Amino acid sequence: MLVLVFRLLSALPLPFLHGLGTVLGWLVYLLAPSYRRRLRENLARAGYGAQLHAAVGEAGKAIVELPFIWCARQERINRVARMENYELVQAALDAGRGIVFLTPHLGCFEITAQQVSLHTPITVMYRPPRKSALKPLVEGARARGMMTLAPANLSGVRQLAKTLRRGEPVGILPDQVPQEGEGVWAPFFGRPAYTMTLPAKMAQLGKAPVIVTYAERLPRGRGYVIRFYPFEGDLAGDAAAQARAINAAMEALIARCPAQYFWSYNRYKQPDGAGAPGQAEVAA
């Protein structure tokens, strides 16, 4: 039933969906106190409190655009998506060492790997949905082009490693809270956040270059611009230092388009068994 609903919604024009998303964003903001509080707190902590009104609407757009991104015909999506600085990606592909794409929850992050997969094979790590009814929709919609999905577990990590050894790219959401034992505490907008160590490990495997990317959502439903930037941090040092470098790079990327970050995400939660951040992480 859900797949049918998404397919029906995918036939609607993107400007209409984004308009509907803005309305939804404000309804959720007004009717959900905990959601409203977290969104406001996270924006204020990061210094983007002035972006509140825009962020509310963008959060709604991020939900309502999913039927279009997941279920619309590929040619319709291609008409409203363009890539900027793709020569950076092509140069890395030509070097044959694979690529580690880091894509935070910024803009339309669902479209980035989709568009890259039209040009090269890519394996993307994802967390399977908890509700079984969502699994056919999520997995079927994401597995487009030359994209392969790897579950966020040990099997998926091995799959990513094999992909990099073949000289092919992988994609990771670096601001997703990992499970206990799979991360370290590192500052993110001035507060300790449990941060995955996987991106640095993958980058060091075969010395694969790291490229940070996001898809900016254009106003009035005009589409998306997928932008690529070289990772300029230093992945030397221990896991904590690497996590700090990656979080700093994500902060810089978010600064390019702050209203479109997923501010309602509980980025600072403490996974079961992870332990509280130590004094060093609090002071960092």
Protein backbone atom coordinates (compact mmCIF):
# COMPACT_ATOMS: atom_id res chain seq x y z
CA MET A 1 0.00 0.00 0.00
CA LEU A 2 2.78 2.41 0.94
CA VAL A 3 4.62 1.72 -2.30
CA LEU A 4 1.45 2.56 -4.25
CA VAL A 5 1.03 5.83 -2.35
CA PHE A 6 4.64 6.81 -3.06
CA ARG A 7 4.24 6.01 -6.75
CA LEU A 8 1.11 8.12 -6.98
CA LEU A 9 2.81 11.05 -5.23
CA SER A 10 5.86 10.70 -7.47
CA ALA A 11 3.72 11.68 -10.47
CA LEU A 12 3.13 15.15 -8.98
CA PRO A 13 5.37 18.08 -10.04
CA LEU A 14 8.34 18.74 -7.77
CA PRO A 15 7.30 22.40 -7.11
CA PHE A 16 3.94 21.16 -5.82
CA LEU A 17 5.61 18.56 -3.60
CA HIS A 18 7.98 21.13 -2.14
CA GLY A 19 5.09 23.50 -1.48
CA LEU A 20 3.22 20.70 0.27
CA GLY A 21 6.39 19.90 2.21
CA THR A 22 6.65 23.44 3.51
CA VAL A 23 3.11 23.20 4.87
CA LEU A 24 3.87 19.80 6.44
CA GLY A 25 7.06 21.15 7.99
CA TRP A 26 5.18 23.91 9.77
CA LEU A 27 2.38 21.58 10.90
CA VAL A 28 4.87 19.21 12.51
CA TYR A 29 6.78 22.10 14.07
CA LEU A 30 3.62 23.56 15.62
CA LEU A 31 2.10 20.27 16.77
CA ALA A 32 5.17 18.39 18.08
CA PRO A 33 6.76 20.08 21.13
CA SER A 34 9.76 17.73 21.44
CA TYR A 35 10.53 18.06 17.73
CA ARG A 36 10.23 21.85 17.97
CA ARG A 37 12.48 22.04 21.02
CA ARG A 38 15.25 19.89 19.50
CA LEU A 39 15.22 21.75 16.20
CA ARG A 40 15.47 25.13 17.94
CA GLU A 41 18.17 23.97 20.35
CA ASN A 42 20.34 22.44 17.63
CA LEU A 43 20.05 25.50 15.41
CA ALA A 44 20.91 27.84 18.27
CA ARG A 45 23.87 25.70 19.40
CA ALA A 46 25.34 25.79 15.91
CA GLY A 47 24.83 29.56 15.63
CA TYR A 48 22.11 29.33 12.99
CA GLY A 49 19.11 30.43 15.02
CA ALA A 50 18.27 33.02 12.35
CA GLN A 51 17.66 30.14 9.92
CA LEU A 52 14.74 28.76 11.95
CA HIS A 53 11.88 29.68 9.61
CA ALA A 54 13.70 28.42 6.52
CA ALA A 55 14.77 25.23 8.31
CA VAL A 56 11.18 24.38 9.28
CA GLY A 57 10.07 24.47 5.67
CA GLU A 58 13.15 22.64 4.37
CA ALA A 59 12.57 19.81 6.86
CA GLY A 60 9.11 19.28 5.43
CA LYS A 61 10.40 19.35 1.87
CA ALA A 62 12.94 16.65 2.74
CA ILE A 63 10.08 14.27 3.61
CA VAL A 64 7.60 15.07 0.84
CA GLU A 65 10.23 14.95 -1.93
CA LEU A 66 11.06 11.30 -1.16
CA PRO A 67 8.33 9.84 -3.43
CA PHE A 68 9.78 11.85 -6.32
CA ILE A 69 13.40 10.89 -5.58
CA TRP A 70 12.61 7.22 -4.96
CA CYS A 71 9.83 6.47 -7.42
CA ALA A 72 9.78 8.98 -10.28
CA ARG A 73 11.20 7.93 -13.64
CA GLN A 74 14.92 8.48 -13.81
CA GLU A 75 14.65 10.84 -16.76
CA ARG A 76 12.33 13.13 -14.76
CA ILE A 77 14.82 13.27 -11.91
CA ASN A 78 17.72 13.91 -14.28
CA ARG A 79 15.95 16.95 -15.69
CA VAL A 80 16.01 18.68 -12.31
CA ALA A 81 19.44 17.52 -11.10
CA ARG A 82 22.85 18.76 -12.13
CA MET A 83 26.31 18.07 -10.77
CA GLU A 84 28.89 20.73 -10.01
CA ASN A 85 32.64 20.02 -9.90
CA TYR A 86 32.19 16.42 -11.06
CA GLU A 87 35.67 16.62 -12.60
CA LEU A 88 36.97 16.14 -9.05
CA VAL A 89 35.15 12.81 -8.93
CA GLN A 90 36.29 11.78 -12.40
CA ALA A 91 39.92 12.47 -11.56
CA ALA A 92 39.64 10.27 -8.48
CA LEU A 93 37.98 7.52 -10.50
CA ASP A 94 40.74 7.69 -13.09
CA ALA A 95 43.30 7.16 -10.32
CA GLY A 96 41.65 3.78 -9.62
CA ARG A 97 41.90 3.82 -5.82
CA GLY A 98 38.21 4.12 -5.09
CA ILE A 99 36.53 7.07 -3.38
CA VAL A 100 35.00 7.56 0.05
CA PHE A 101 32.03 9.91 -0.39
CA LEU A 102 30.94 11.57 2.85
CA THR A 103 27.39 12.91 2.65
CA PRO A 104 25.81 14.38 5.79
CA HIS A 105 22.07 14.80 6.32
CA LEU A 106 22.19 18.01 4.31
CA GLY A 107 19.85 19.00 1.49
CA CYS A 108 18.50 16.11 -0.56
CA PHE A 109 21.12 13.58 0.51
CA GLU A 110 19.11 10.76 -1.09
CA ILE A 111 19.85 12.04 -4.60
CA THR A 112 23.64 12.28 -4.36
CA ALA A 113 24.53 8.58 -4.64
CA GLN A 114 21.68 8.08 -7.08
CA GLN A 115 23.15 10.56 -9.52
CA VAL A 116 26.71 9.31 -9.06
CA SER A 117 25.51 5.76 -9.74
CA LEU A 118 24.46 6.80 -13.23
CA HIS A 119 28.16 7.27 -14.06
CA THR A 120 30.00 4.69 -11.96
CA PRO A 121 29.28 1.74 -9.66
CA ILE A 122 28.96 2.82 -6.02
CA THR A 123 28.20 0.95 -2.81
CA VAL A 124 26.33 2.92 -0.16
CA MET A 125 25.99 2.01 3.49
CA TYR A 126 22.46 2.32 4.85
CA ARG A 127 20.54 1.38 7.95
CA PRO A 128 17.66 -1.00 7.09
CA PRO A 129 14.26 0.35 8.19
CA ARG A 130 12.88 -1.06 11.43
CA LYS A 131 9.41 -1.53 9.95
CA SER A 132 9.33 -4.43 7.49
CA ALA A 133 6.66 -2.69 5.40
CA LEU A 134 9.17 0.01 4.51
CA LYS A 135 11.92 -2.37 3.42
CA PRO A 136 10.72 -3.06 -0.17
CA LEU A 137 10.15 0.65 -0.73
CA VAL A 138 13.47 1.84 0.67
CA GLU A 139 15.67 -0.87 -0.80
CA GLY A 140 13.94 -1.00 -4.16
CA ALA A 141 13.92 2.76 -4.60
CA ARG A 142 17.54 3.26 -3.57
CA ALA A 143 18.97 0.47 -5.71
CA ARG A 144 18.96 2.45 -8.95
CA GLY A 145 21.60 2.80 -11.62
CA MET A 146 24.82 1.10 -10.58
CA MET A 147 24.15 1.54 -6.85
CA THR A 148 24.57 -1.33 -4.40
CA LEU A 149 23.36 -1.17 -0.80
CA ALA A 150 25.43 -2.36 2.16
CA PRO A 151 23.73 -2.80 5.55
CA ALA A 152 25.15 -0.90 8.53
CA ASN A 153 26.70 -3.95 10.20
CA LEU A 154 29.88 -6.01 10.01
CA SER A 155 28.78 -7.64 6.77
CA GLY A 156 28.23 -4.21 5.23
CA VAL A 157 31.66 -2.99 6.36
CA ARG A 158 33.26 -5.97 4.63
CA GLN A 159 31.24 -5.15 1.52
CA LEU A 160 32.55 -1.57 1.54
CA ALA A 161 36.12 -2.81 1.95
CA LYS A 162 35.79 -5.15 -1.02
CA THR A 163 34.35 -2.33 -3.10
CA LEU A 164 37.29 -0.04 -2.35
CA ARG A 165 39.77 -2.81 -3.14
CA ARG A 166 38.14 -3.03 -6.58
CA GLY A 167 38.83 0.67 -7.03
CA GLU A 168 35.15 1.64 -6.81
CA PRO A 169 33.51 4.36 -4.67
CA VAL A 170 31.60 3.94 -1.44
CA GLY A 171 29.18 6.33 0.25
CA ILE A 172 28.74 6.92 3.99
CA LEU A 173 26.54 9.22 6.09
CA PRO A 174 29.22 10.36 8.59
CA ASP A 175 26.82 12.21 10.92
CA GLN A 176 24.67 9.16 11.61
CA VAL A 177 25.01 8.04 15.22
CA PRO A 178 26.78 4.64 15.22
CA GLN A 179 26.09 1.76 17.52
CA GLU A 180 28.03 1.22 20.72
CA GLY A 181 31.64 0.29 20.08
CA GLU A 182 31.61 1.68 16.51
CA GLY A 183 32.37 5.30 17.34
CA VAL A 184 34.12 7.82 19.58
CA TRP A 185 33.02 11.08 21.16
CA ALA A 186 34.04 14.14 19.16
CA PRO A 187 32.80 17.75 19.16
CA PHE A 188 30.09 18.69 16.70
CA PHE A 189 29.03 22.33 16.84
CA GLY A 190 30.51 22.66 20.31
CA ARG A 191 28.98 19.59 21.94
CA PRO A 192 30.30 16.00 22.14
CA ALA A 193 28.60 13.75 19.60
CA TYR A 194 29.14 10.01 19.26
CA THR A 195 30.83 9.84 15.86
CA MET A 196 31.55 6.86 13.64
CA THR A 197 35.15 5.84 13.02
CA LEU A 198 34.35 3.96 9.81
CA PRO A 199 34.97 6.80 7.27
CA ALA A 200 38.61 7.23 8.28
CA LYS A 201 39.20 3.47 8.30
CA MET A 202 37.75 3.18 4.80
CA ALA A 203 39.82 6.12 3.53
CA GLN A 204 43.01 4.55 4.83
CA LEU A 205 42.17 1.31 3.04
CA GLY A 206 44.08 1.62 -0.21
CA LYS A 207 44.58 5.35 0.44
CA ALA A 208 41.23 6.17 -1.15
CA PRO A 209 40.57 9.90 -1.55
CA VAL A 210 37.74 11.43 0.47
CA ILE A 211 35.18 13.67 -1.24
CA VAL A 212 32.49 15.50 0.71
CA THR A 213 29.24 16.14 -1.11
CA TYR A 214 25.69 17.37 -0.71
CA ALA A 215 22.72 18.20 -2.92
CA GLU A 216 21.35 21.70 -2.42
CA ARG A 217 17.59 21.98 -2.81
CA LEU A 218 16.83 24.92 -5.11
CA PRO A 219 13.98 27.35 -4.33
CA ARG A 220 10.46 26.91 -5.71
CA GLY A 221 10.99 23.29 -6.69
CA ARG A 222 13.52 24.07 -9.43
CA GLY A 223 15.54 20.98 -8.58
CA TYR A 224 18.93 20.18 -7.08
CA VAL A 225 22.61 20.95 -7.48
CA ILE A 226 24.93 18.15 -6.34
CA ARG A 227 28.24 19.67 -5.24
CA PHE A 228 31.55 17.91 -4.63
CA TYR A 229 34.49 19.19 -2.56
CA PRO A 230 37.83 17.67 -1.58
CA PHE A 231 38.21 16.69 2.04
CA GLU A 232 40.76 19.09 3.48
CA GLY A 233 41.07 17.63 6.97
CA ASP A 234 43.91 15.54 8.36
CA LEU A 235 43.12 11.89 9.07
CA ALA A 236 46.39 11.28 10.88
CA GLY A 237 46.34 10.49 14.57
CA ASP A 238 44.03 8.30 16.61
CA ALA A 239 40.34 7.61 16.07
CA ALA A 240 39.28 10.61 18.17
CA ALA A 241 41.43 12.99 16.13
CA GLN A 242 40.09 11.54 12.90
CA ALA A 243 36.50 11.93 14.10
CA ARG A 244 37.19 15.56 15.04
CA ALA A 245 38.55 16.22 11.54
CA ILE A 246 35.52 14.65 9.88
CA ASN A 247 33.06 16.54 12.10
CA ALA A 248 34.87 19.79 11.31
CA ALA A 249 34.55 19.06 7.60
CA MET A 250 30.83 18.39 8.02
CA GLU A 251 30.40 21.68 9.90
CA ALA A 252 32.08 23.52 7.02
CA LEU A 253 29.82 21.81 4.51
CA ILE A 254 26.68 22.59 6.51
CA ALA A 255 27.74 26.25 6.65
CA ARG A 256 27.24 26.41 2.87
CA CYS A 257 23.53 25.64 3.22
CA PRO A 258 22.59 25.67 6.92
CA ALA A 259 18.80 25.83 6.58
CA GLN A 260 18.81 22.48 4.77
CA TYR A 261 20.53 20.44 7.47
CA PHE A 262 18.50 17.83 9.36
CA TRP A 263 18.50 19.81 12.63
CA SER A 264 15.77 17.73 14.26
CA TYR A 265 18.00 14.63 14.23
CA ASN A 266 19.08 13.53 17.70
CA ARG A 267 22.76 13.83 16.87
CA TYR A 268 23.84 13.99 20.50
CA LYS A 269 22.17 10.86 21.82
CA GLN A 270 24.18 8.34 23.81
CA PRO A 271 23.94 4.81 22.35
CA ASP A 272 23.42 1.99 24.80
CA GLY A 273 26.73 0.88 26.23
CA ALA A 274 28.72 3.71 24.68
CA GLY A 275 29.42 5.46 27.97
CA ALA A 276 29.30 9.19 28.56
CA PRO A 277 31.85 11.49 26.91
CA GLY A 278 34.97 12.08 28.95
CA GLN A 279 36.35 15.40 30.10
CA ALA A 280 38.61 15.64 27.02
CA GLU A 281 35.69 15.43 24.64
CA VAL A 282 33.66 17.99 26.59
CA ALA A 283 36.55 20.45 26.55
CA ALA A 284 37.50 19.90 22.89
